[in-house]
Amino acid sequence: MKPRAILSDVPPESAINARLSGAYFHDSYVISVHDTTPTALNYFLTALANTPSWVNLLMTLRNKIVRFFGLKDLGDLGNLNLSKPASTYTSGDRVGIFTLISNSPNEALLGDRDKHLDVVLSVYKNPLDRSGIQSISVTTVVHIHNLWGRIYMFPVTPLHRLIAPAVLNRIIDGKNSV
């Protein structure tokens, strides 16, 4: 049986913890992986490169709707330069719909800012467990700035709870490693 992403606590050692205070929304999902060698960003790139088509359809719909409310078109979640190695990404680079904030072998922080809300995402390689199993946590933290941010999050919150684990499962299911 393949490992699947499950809802979990935010990893206590993750840098994302510093962003939890005052958050309107946050969640964290974890999945076990067999290979311990990729960096956190490599795992994220693999997941994005294999984004389920239904997620990109939802992103297309989102982009069409939010233009009317002054939010930016983010494009597709998996809109990546597949020829760019993870090791060449630096802070400020776009990674799919996000901007890379910081990057280390064990954690990548990515985010997006808008006048309505700020989103920060952590991809974190948890320490190996007692049996030598590696797990990857993806934590999302959202801070809203105004009523439009609250309205935006109303439909996004339940969809996020479907999308986040589905994309994270692509670390395992993905055929194209980046």
N, C-alpha and C. Protein backbone atom coordinates (compact mmCIF):
# COMPACT_ATOMS: atom_id res chain seq x y z
N MET A 1 0.83 -1.19 0.00
CA MET A 1 0.00 0.00 0.00
C MET A 1 0.88 1.25 0.00
N LYS A 2 0.56 2.18 -0.90
CA LYS A 2 1.32 3.42 -1.00
C LYS A 2 1.00 4.34 0.17
N PRO A 3 2.04 5.05 0.65
CA PRO A 3 1.77 6.07 1.68
C PRO A 3 0.88 7.16 1.10
N ARG A 4 0.04 7.73 1.92
CA ARG A 4 -0.84 8.83 1.52
C ARG A 4 -0.64 9.99 2.49
N ALA A 5 -0.85 11.19 2.00
CA ALA A 5 -0.75 12.38 2.83
C ALA A 5 -1.89 12.40 3.84
N ILE A 6 -1.55 12.72 5.08
CA ILE A 6 -2.56 12.81 6.14
C ILE A 6 -2.38 14.13 6.89
N LEU A 7 -3.47 14.60 7.46
CA LEU A 7 -3.44 15.81 8.27
C LEU A 7 -2.56 15.57 9.48
N SER A 8 -1.75 16.56 9.85
CA SER A 8 -0.82 16.38 10.97
C SER A 8 -0.61 17.71 11.69
N ASP A 9 0.15 17.65 12.76
CA ASP A 9 0.56 18.85 13.46
C ASP A 9 1.69 19.53 12.67
N VAL A 10 1.84 20.80 12.88
CA VAL A 10 2.96 21.54 12.29
C VAL A 10 4.24 21.02 12.94
N PRO A 11 5.25 20.66 12.14
CA PRO A 11 6.49 20.17 12.76
C PRO A 11 7.08 21.23 13.69
N PRO A 12 7.41 20.85 14.93
CA PRO A 12 7.89 21.85 15.90
C PRO A 12 9.19 22.53 15.50
N GLU A 13 10.04 21.86 14.72
CA GLU A 13 11.33 22.44 14.32
C GLU A 13 11.24 23.30 13.07
N SER A 14 10.08 23.32 12.42
CA SER A 14 9.93 24.04 11.16
C SER A 14 9.94 25.55 11.36
N ALA A 15 10.56 26.26 10.44
CA ALA A 15 10.61 27.72 10.48
C ALA A 15 9.24 28.34 10.31
N ILE A 16 8.28 27.61 9.77
CA ILE A 16 6.93 28.14 9.56
C ILE A 16 6.25 28.47 10.88
N ASN A 17 6.70 27.87 11.97
CA ASN A 17 6.09 28.15 13.28
C ASN A 17 6.12 29.63 13.63
N ALA A 18 7.15 30.33 13.19
CA ALA A 18 7.27 31.76 13.47
C ALA A 18 6.17 32.57 12.79
N ARG A 19 5.47 31.96 11.83
CA ARG A 19 4.43 32.67 11.07
C ARG A 19 3.01 32.29 11.51
N LEU A 20 2.89 31.42 12.50
CA LEU A 20 1.56 30.95 12.91
C LEU A 20 0.77 31.99 13.71
N SER A 21 1.45 32.82 14.46
CA SER A 21 0.77 33.79 15.31
C SER A 21 -0.13 34.70 14.47
N GLY A 22 -1.39 34.77 14.83
CA GLY A 22 -2.34 35.65 14.14
C GLY A 22 -2.83 35.12 12.81
N ALA A 23 -2.49 33.90 12.45
CA ALA A 23 -2.92 33.35 11.16
C ALA A 23 -4.43 33.16 11.13
N TYR A 24 -5.02 33.47 10.01
CA TYR A 24 -6.44 33.23 9.79
C TYR A 24 -6.68 31.75 9.53
N PHE A 25 -5.72 31.12 8.87
CA PHE A 25 -5.84 29.71 8.49
C PHE A 25 -4.46 29.08 8.50
N HIS A 26 -4.39 27.83 8.94
CA HIS A 26 -3.18 27.04 8.73
C HIS A 26 -3.54 25.57 8.79
N ASP A 27 -2.77 24.79 8.07
CA ASP A 27 -2.88 23.34 8.16
C ASP A 27 -1.54 22.73 7.78
N SER A 28 -1.42 21.44 8.06
CA SER A 28 -0.18 20.73 7.75
C SER A 28 -0.53 19.30 7.39
N TYR A 29 0.12 18.81 6.34
CA TYR A 29 -0.04 17.43 5.90
C TYR A 29 1.33 16.78 5.86
N VAL A 30 1.37 15.47 6.12
CA VAL A 30 2.63 14.74 6.13
C VAL A 30 2.47 13.47 5.29
N ILE A 31 3.56 13.08 4.65
CA ILE A 31 3.59 11.84 3.87
C ILE A 31 4.96 11.18 4.06
N SER A 32 4.96 9.87 4.15
CA SER A 32 6.22 9.11 4.25
C SER A 32 6.77 8.87 2.85
N VAL A 33 8.08 8.96 2.73
CA VAL A 33 8.75 8.73 1.45
C VAL A 33 9.85 7.70 1.63
N HIS A 34 10.22 7.06 0.54
CA HIS A 34 11.24 6.02 0.62
C HIS A 34 12.65 6.54 0.44
N ASP A 35 12.79 7.60 -0.35
CA ASP A 35 14.10 8.14 -0.68
C ASP A 35 14.41 9.32 0.23
N THR A 36 15.51 9.27 0.94
CA THR A 36 15.87 10.35 1.86
C THR A 36 16.81 11.38 1.23
N THR A 37 17.24 11.16 -0.01
CA THR A 37 18.27 12.02 -0.59
C THR A 37 17.77 13.35 -1.16
N PRO A 38 16.55 13.44 -1.75
CA PRO A 38 16.15 14.74 -2.31
C PRO A 38 16.04 15.81 -1.23
N THR A 39 16.24 17.05 -1.64
CA THR A 39 16.03 18.18 -0.75
C THR A 39 14.53 18.45 -0.63
N ALA A 40 14.18 19.27 0.33
CA ALA A 40 12.77 19.65 0.51
C ALA A 40 12.24 20.27 -0.79
N LEU A 41 13.03 21.15 -1.41
CA LEU A 41 12.59 21.79 -2.64
C LEU A 41 12.43 20.76 -3.77
N ASN A 42 13.32 19.77 -3.84
CA ASN A 42 13.17 18.71 -4.85
C ASN A 42 11.83 18.00 -4.70
N TYR A 43 11.48 17.67 -3.45
CA TYR A 43 10.19 17.02 -3.22
C TYR A 43 9.04 17.90 -3.71
N PHE A 44 9.12 19.19 -3.41
CA PHE A 44 8.07 20.12 -3.82
C PHE A 44 7.99 20.21 -5.34
N LEU A 45 9.13 20.30 -6.00
CA LEU A 45 9.14 20.37 -7.46
C LEU A 45 8.53 19.12 -8.08
N THR A 46 8.83 17.96 -7.51
CA THR A 46 8.24 16.71 -8.01
C THR A 46 6.72 16.74 -7.88
N ALA A 47 6.24 17.19 -6.72
CA ALA A 47 4.80 17.27 -6.52
C ALA A 47 4.16 18.23 -7.52
N LEU A 48 4.75 19.42 -7.68
CA LEU A 48 4.18 20.41 -8.60
C LEU A 48 4.22 19.94 -10.05
N ALA A 49 5.31 19.29 -10.44
CA ALA A 49 5.45 18.81 -11.82
C ALA A 49 4.39 17.76 -12.15
N ASN A 50 3.83 17.16 -11.13
CA ASN A 50 2.84 16.11 -11.32
C ASN A 50 1.47 16.50 -10.75
N THR A 51 1.19 17.79 -10.73
CA THR A 51 -0.07 18.29 -10.20
C THR A 51 -1.25 17.63 -10.93
N PRO A 52 -2.23 17.15 -10.17
CA PRO A 52 -3.40 16.55 -10.82
C PRO A 52 -4.09 17.56 -11.75
N SER A 53 -4.57 17.10 -12.88
CA SER A 53 -5.18 18.00 -13.87
C SER A 53 -6.40 18.71 -13.29
N TRP A 54 -7.15 18.06 -12.39
CA TRP A 54 -8.33 18.70 -11.82
C TRP A 54 -7.93 19.91 -10.96
N VAL A 55 -6.73 19.87 -10.37
CA VAL A 55 -6.25 21.01 -9.58
C VAL A 55 -5.96 22.18 -10.50
N ASN A 56 -5.32 21.91 -11.63
CA ASN A 56 -5.04 23.00 -12.57
C ASN A 56 -6.33 23.56 -13.17
N LEU A 57 -7.35 22.72 -13.36
CA LEU A 57 -8.65 23.24 -13.82
C LEU A 57 -9.25 24.19 -12.77
N LEU A 58 -9.14 23.82 -11.50
CA LEU A 58 -9.62 24.71 -10.44
C LEU A 58 -8.82 26.01 -10.41
N MET A 59 -7.51 25.93 -10.64
CA MET A 59 -6.69 27.15 -10.68
C MET A 59 -7.11 28.05 -11.84
N THR A 60 -7.42 27.47 -12.99
CA THR A 60 -7.88 28.25 -14.13
C THR A 60 -9.18 28.97 -13.80
N LEU A 61 -10.10 28.24 -13.17
CA LEU A 61 -11.37 28.84 -12.76
C LEU A 61 -11.12 29.95 -11.73
N ARG A 62 -10.27 29.70 -10.75
CA ARG A 62 -9.92 30.69 -9.74
C ARG A 62 -9.39 31.97 -10.39
N ASN A 63 -8.47 31.80 -11.33
CA ASN A 63 -7.84 32.95 -11.97
C ASN A 63 -8.85 33.79 -12.75
N LYS A 64 -9.83 33.15 -13.38
CA LYS A 64 -10.86 33.89 -14.12
C LYS A 64 -11.76 34.67 -13.17
N ILE A 65 -12.11 34.06 -12.04
CA ILE A 65 -13.03 34.71 -11.10
C ILE A 65 -12.35 35.86 -10.35
N VAL A 66 -11.13 35.65 -9.85
CA VAL A 66 -10.52 36.65 -8.97
C VAL A 66 -10.10 37.93 -9.69
N ARG A 67 -9.95 37.88 -10.99
CA ARG A 67 -9.61 39.10 -11.74
C ARG A 67 -10.63 40.20 -11.49
N PHE A 68 -11.90 39.79 -11.31
CA PHE A 68 -12.96 40.77 -11.08
C PHE A 68 -12.84 41.45 -9.72
N PHE A 69 -12.06 40.88 -8.83
CA PHE A 69 -11.94 41.41 -7.47
C PHE A 69 -10.55 41.98 -7.18
N GLY A 70 -9.74 42.12 -8.21
CA GLY A 70 -8.45 42.74 -8.04
C GLY A 70 -7.33 41.83 -7.58
N LEU A 71 -7.56 40.52 -7.55
CA LEU A 71 -6.48 39.59 -7.21
C LEU A 71 -5.76 39.20 -8.49
N LYS A 72 -4.52 38.79 -8.33
CA LYS A 72 -3.72 38.48 -9.50
C LYS A 72 -3.95 37.05 -10.00
N ASP A 73 -3.73 36.89 -11.29
CA ASP A 73 -3.78 35.59 -11.95
C ASP A 73 -2.46 34.88 -11.61
N LEU A 74 -2.55 33.75 -10.92
CA LEU A 74 -1.34 33.04 -10.50
C LEU A 74 -0.86 32.01 -11.52
N GLY A 75 -1.69 31.69 -12.50
CA GLY A 75 -1.33 30.63 -13.44
C GLY A 75 -1.62 29.27 -12.83
N ASP A 76 -1.06 28.23 -13.45
CA ASP A 76 -1.25 26.86 -12.96
C ASP A 76 -0.27 26.56 -11.84
N LEU A 77 -0.70 25.71 -10.91
CA LEU A 77 0.14 25.30 -9.81
C LEU A 77 1.44 24.68 -10.31
N GLY A 78 1.36 23.87 -11.34
CA GLY A 78 2.53 23.16 -11.85
C GLY A 78 3.25 23.87 -12.98
N ASN A 79 3.08 25.19 -13.09
CA ASN A 79 3.75 25.94 -14.14
C ASN A 79 5.21 26.14 -13.76
N LEU A 80 6.06 25.19 -14.18
CA LEU A 80 7.47 25.17 -13.80
C LEU A 80 8.38 25.11 -15.01
N ASN A 81 9.60 25.53 -14.81
CA ASN A 81 10.65 25.29 -15.79
C ASN A 81 11.28 23.94 -15.41
N LEU A 82 10.85 22.87 -16.06
CA LEU A 82 11.29 21.52 -15.69
C LEU A 82 12.78 21.28 -15.93
N SER A 83 13.41 22.13 -16.73
CA SER A 83 14.84 21.95 -16.97
C SER A 83 15.71 22.64 -15.92
N LYS A 84 15.09 23.39 -15.02
CA LYS A 84 15.84 24.10 -13.99
C LYS A 84 16.02 23.20 -12.77
N PRO A 85 17.26 22.86 -12.41
CA PRO A 85 17.48 22.01 -11.23
C PRO A 85 17.14 22.76 -9.94
N ALA A 86 16.68 22.00 -8.95
CA ALA A 86 16.32 22.59 -7.65
C ALA A 86 17.50 23.34 -7.04
N SER A 87 18.70 22.85 -7.28
CA SER A 87 19.89 23.46 -6.67
C SER A 87 20.18 24.87 -7.19
N THR A 88 19.54 25.27 -8.30
CA THR A 88 19.81 26.59 -8.87
C THR A 88 18.79 27.64 -8.43
N TYR A 89 17.76 27.23 -7.71
CA TYR A 89 16.77 28.20 -7.23
C TYR A 89 17.36 29.00 -6.08
N THR A 90 17.10 30.31 -6.09
CA THR A 90 17.54 31.19 -5.01
C THR A 90 16.35 32.00 -4.51
N SER A 91 16.48 32.59 -3.35
CA SER A 91 15.41 33.42 -2.78
C SER A 91 14.97 34.46 -3.80
N GLY A 92 13.67 34.60 -3.94
CA GLY A 92 13.10 35.55 -4.90
C GLY A 92 12.67 34.90 -6.20
N ASP A 93 13.15 33.69 -6.49
CA ASP A 93 12.75 32.99 -7.72
C ASP A 93 11.32 32.50 -7.61
N ARG A 94 10.62 32.50 -8.76
CA ARG A 94 9.29 31.91 -8.81
C ARG A 94 9.41 30.40 -8.91
N VAL A 95 8.58 29.71 -8.13
CA VAL A 95 8.51 28.25 -8.14
C VAL A 95 7.03 27.92 -8.28
N GLY A 96 6.58 27.67 -9.51
CA GLY A 96 5.15 27.50 -9.74
C GLY A 96 4.45 28.82 -9.46
N ILE A 97 3.44 28.80 -8.60
CA ILE A 97 2.69 30.02 -8.28
C ILE A 97 3.28 30.77 -7.10
N PHE A 98 4.36 30.26 -6.54
CA PHE A 98 4.94 30.84 -5.33
C PHE A 98 6.30 31.48 -5.61
N THR A 99 6.73 32.32 -4.66
CA THR A 99 8.08 32.88 -4.68
C THR A 99 8.87 32.20 -3.57
N LEU A 100 10.09 31.79 -3.89
CA LEU A 100 10.95 31.15 -2.90
C LEU A 100 11.42 32.19 -1.89
N ILE A 101 11.12 31.95 -0.62
CA ILE A 101 11.51 32.86 0.46
C ILE A 101 12.86 32.44 1.03
N SER A 102 12.98 31.17 1.35
CA SER A 102 14.26 30.64 1.86
C SER A 102 14.33 29.17 1.48
N ASN A 103 15.57 28.68 1.43
CA ASN A 103 15.76 27.31 0.98
C ASN A 103 16.98 26.69 1.67
N SER A 104 16.75 25.54 2.28
CA SER A 104 17.83 24.74 2.84
C SER A 104 17.53 23.30 2.44
N PRO A 105 18.48 22.39 2.62
CA PRO A 105 18.20 21.00 2.25
C PRO A 105 16.96 20.42 2.95
N ASN A 106 16.68 20.87 4.18
CA ASN A 106 15.58 20.29 4.94
C ASN A 106 14.29 21.11 4.95
N GLU A 107 14.34 22.34 4.46
CA GLU A 107 13.10 23.13 4.44
C GLU A 107 13.17 24.22 3.38
N ALA A 108 12.06 24.31 2.65
CA ALA A 108 11.87 25.41 1.69
C ALA A 108 10.64 26.18 2.13
N LEU A 109 10.78 27.50 2.24
CA LEU A 109 9.64 28.37 2.51
C LEU A 109 9.33 29.12 1.22
N LEU A 110 8.05 29.07 0.85
CA LEU A 110 7.59 29.71 -0.37
C LEU A 110 6.36 30.53 -0.03
N GLY A 111 6.09 31.56 -0.80
CA GLY A 111 4.92 32.36 -0.47
C GLY A 111 4.41 33.18 -1.62
N ASP A 112 3.31 33.86 -1.34
CA ASP A 112 2.73 34.80 -2.28
C ASP A 112 2.02 35.87 -1.47
N ARG A 113 2.18 37.12 -1.91
CA ARG A 113 1.58 38.26 -1.23
C ARG A 113 0.60 38.93 -2.17
N ASP A 114 -0.49 39.35 -1.61
CA ASP A 114 -1.49 40.09 -2.37
C ASP A 114 -2.05 41.14 -1.42
N LYS A 115 -2.78 42.11 -1.95
CA LYS A 115 -3.34 43.13 -1.06
C LYS A 115 -4.39 42.56 -0.12
N HIS A 116 -4.93 41.37 -0.44
CA HIS A 116 -5.98 40.77 0.38
C HIS A 116 -5.46 39.76 1.40
N LEU A 117 -4.34 39.11 1.08
CA LEU A 117 -3.81 38.08 1.98
C LEU A 117 -2.37 37.73 1.64
N ASP A 118 -1.72 37.10 2.61
CA ASP A 118 -0.37 36.55 2.43
C ASP A 118 -0.44 35.05 2.70
N VAL A 119 0.22 34.28 1.85
CA VAL A 119 0.28 32.83 2.01
C VAL A 119 1.75 32.44 2.11
N VAL A 120 2.09 31.62 3.10
CA VAL A 120 3.43 31.05 3.19
C VAL A 120 3.27 29.54 3.34
N LEU A 121 4.11 28.84 2.61
CA LEU A 121 4.08 27.39 2.57
C LEU A 121 5.46 26.87 2.97
N SER A 122 5.47 25.87 3.84
CA SER A 122 6.72 25.21 4.22
C SER A 122 6.71 23.79 3.69
N VAL A 123 7.80 23.40 3.06
CA VAL A 123 8.02 22.00 2.70
C VAL A 123 9.19 21.57 3.58
N TYR A 124 8.92 20.64 4.49
CA TYR A 124 9.87 20.33 5.56
C TYR A 124 10.18 18.83 5.58
N LYS A 125 11.48 18.50 5.56
CA LYS A 125 11.92 17.12 5.72
C LYS A 125 12.06 16.85 7.22
N ASN A 126 11.14 16.05 7.73
CA ASN A 126 11.19 15.70 9.15
C ASN A 126 12.40 14.82 9.43
N PRO A 127 12.93 14.85 10.65
CA PRO A 127 14.01 13.92 10.99
C PRO A 127 13.53 12.48 10.79
N LEU A 128 14.45 11.60 10.44
CA LEU A 128 14.09 10.20 10.26
C LEU A 128 13.48 9.66 11.55
N ASP A 129 12.44 8.84 11.41
CA ASP A 129 11.86 8.25 12.61
C ASP A 129 12.73 7.08 13.07
N ARG A 130 12.34 6.41 14.14
CA ARG A 130 13.15 5.33 14.73
C ARG A 130 13.42 4.19 13.76
N SER A 131 12.51 3.98 12.82
CA SER A 131 12.72 2.89 11.86
C SER A 131 13.39 3.36 10.58
N GLY A 132 13.87 4.61 10.57
CA GLY A 132 14.60 5.13 9.41
C GLY A 132 13.71 5.64 8.29
N ILE A 133 12.43 5.88 8.58
CA ILE A 133 11.50 6.37 7.57
C ILE A 133 11.55 7.90 7.52
N GLN A 134 11.64 8.42 6.29
CA GLN A 134 11.63 9.86 6.05
C GLN A 134 10.19 10.30 5.80
N SER A 135 9.81 11.44 6.34
CA SER A 135 8.50 12.00 6.02
C SER A 135 8.67 13.47 5.65
N ILE A 136 7.75 13.92 4.81
CA ILE A 136 7.74 15.29 4.33
C ILE A 136 6.46 15.94 4.80
N SER A 137 6.58 17.11 5.41
CA SER A 137 5.41 17.89 5.84
C SER A 137 5.28 19.11 4.95
N VAL A 138 4.04 19.40 4.58
CA VAL A 138 3.74 20.64 3.88
C VAL A 138 2.73 21.40 4.73
N THR A 139 3.14 22.58 5.17
CA THR A 139 2.32 23.41 6.04
C THR A 139 1.99 24.70 5.31
N THR A 140 0.74 25.10 5.37
CA THR A 140 0.27 26.33 4.75
C THR A 140 -0.22 27.27 5.84
N VAL A 141 0.20 28.53 5.76
CA VAL A 141 -0.22 29.56 6.71
C VAL A 141 -0.74 30.75 5.91
N VAL A 142 -1.94 31.22 6.27
CA VAL A 142 -2.56 32.35 5.57
C VAL A 142 -2.88 33.45 6.57
N HIS A 143 -2.44 34.66 6.24
CA HIS A 143 -2.80 35.87 6.99
C HIS A 143 -3.64 36.73 6.05
N ILE A 144 -4.82 37.11 6.51
CA ILE A 144 -5.67 37.96 5.67
C ILE A 144 -5.53 39.41 6.10
N HIS A 145 -5.79 40.32 5.14
CA HIS A 145 -5.61 41.75 5.39
C HIS A 145 -6.92 42.53 5.42
N ASN A 146 -7.98 41.96 4.85
CA ASN A 146 -9.22 42.72 4.75
C ASN A 146 -10.40 41.78 4.48
N LEU A 147 -11.56 42.38 4.29
CA LEU A 147 -12.79 41.60 4.05
C LEU A 147 -12.66 40.73 2.80
N TRP A 148 -12.03 41.26 1.75
CA TRP A 148 -11.87 40.47 0.52
C TRP A 148 -11.04 39.21 0.79
N GLY A 149 -10.07 39.29 1.67
CA GLY A 149 -9.31 38.10 2.04
C GLY A 149 -10.18 37.06 2.71
N ARG A 150 -11.07 37.51 3.60
CA ARG A 150 -12.01 36.58 4.27
C ARG A 150 -12.96 35.94 3.25
N ILE A 151 -13.48 36.77 2.36
CA ILE A 151 -14.40 36.26 1.34
C ILE A 151 -13.68 35.25 0.44
N TYR A 152 -12.46 35.59 0.05
CA TYR A 152 -11.66 34.68 -0.79
C TYR A 152 -11.45 33.33 -0.09
N MET A 153 -11.13 33.37 1.18
CA MET A 153 -10.83 32.14 1.91
C MET A 153 -12.07 31.27 2.16
N PHE A 154 -13.26 31.84 2.08
CA PHE A 154 -14.47 31.06 2.33
C PHE A 154 -14.56 29.83 1.41
N PRO A 155 -14.45 29.96 0.09
CA PRO A 155 -14.46 28.74 -0.75
C PRO A 155 -13.10 28.05 -0.81
N VAL A 156 -12.03 28.81 -0.59
CA VAL A 156 -10.68 28.23 -0.73
C VAL A 156 -10.38 27.23 0.39
N THR A 157 -10.82 27.52 1.61
CA THR A 157 -10.48 26.64 2.74
C THR A 157 -10.90 25.19 2.50
N PRO A 158 -12.16 24.90 2.16
CA PRO A 158 -12.50 23.49 1.93
C PRO A 158 -11.81 22.89 0.71
N LEU A 159 -11.60 23.70 -0.32
CA LEU A 159 -10.89 23.20 -1.50
C LEU A 159 -9.43 22.90 -1.18
N HIS A 160 -8.82 23.77 -0.37
CA HIS A 160 -7.43 23.55 0.03
C HIS A 160 -7.27 22.19 0.72
N ARG A 161 -8.26 21.81 1.53
CA ARG A 161 -8.19 20.54 2.26
C ARG A 161 -8.28 19.34 1.33
N LEU A 162 -8.72 19.55 0.09
CA LEU A 162 -8.70 18.50 -0.93
C LEU A 162 -7.42 18.59 -1.76
N ILE A 163 -7.05 19.81 -2.10
CA ILE A 163 -5.92 20.04 -3.01
C ILE A 163 -4.58 19.72 -2.35
N ALA A 164 -4.35 20.21 -1.14
CA ALA A 164 -3.03 20.04 -0.50
C ALA A 164 -2.62 18.58 -0.40
N PRO A 165 -3.46 17.68 0.13
CA PRO A 165 -3.02 16.28 0.19
C PRO A 165 -2.92 15.64 -1.20
N ALA A 166 -3.79 16.03 -2.12
CA ALA A 166 -3.73 15.46 -3.47
C ALA A 166 -2.41 15.81 -4.16
N VAL A 167 -1.97 17.05 -4.00
CA VAL A 167 -0.69 17.47 -4.59
C VAL A 167 0.47 16.80 -3.86
N LEU A 168 0.42 16.74 -2.53
CA LEU A 168 1.48 16.11 -1.76
C LEU A 168 1.61 14.62 -2.11
N ASN A 169 0.49 13.95 -2.37
CA ASN A 169 0.54 12.54 -2.77
C ASN A 169 1.34 12.36 -4.06
N ARG A 170 1.45 13.40 -4.85
CA ARG A 170 2.18 13.31 -6.12
C ARG A 170 3.69 13.14 -5.91
N ILE A 171 4.17 13.37 -4.71
CA ILE A 171 5.57 13.07 -4.42
C ILE A 171 5.79 11.57 -4.61
N ILE A 172 4.80 10.77 -4.24
CA ILE A 172 4.87 9.33 -4.37
C ILE A 172 4.37 8.88 -5.73
N ASP A 173 3.23 9.44 -6.15
CA ASP A 173 2.57 8.99 -7.37
C ASP A 173 3.24 9.51 -8.63
N GLY A 174 3.98 10.61 -8.52
CA GLY A 174 4.53 11.27 -9.69
C GLY A 174 5.47 10.38 -10.48
N LYS A 175 5.31 10.45 -11.78
CA LYS A 175 6.17 9.66 -12.67
C LYS A 175 7.41 10.46 -13.06
N ASN A 176 7.28 11.77 -13.01
CA ASN A 176 8.38 12.63 -13.46
C ASN A 176 9.09 13.24 -12.27
N SER A 177 10.22 12.70 -11.89
CA SER A 177 11.00 13.33 -10.82
C SER A 177 11.74 14.51 -11.38
N VAL A 178 11.83 15.54 -10.60
CA VAL A 178 12.53 16.76 -11.03
C VAL A 178 13.86 16.82 -10.32
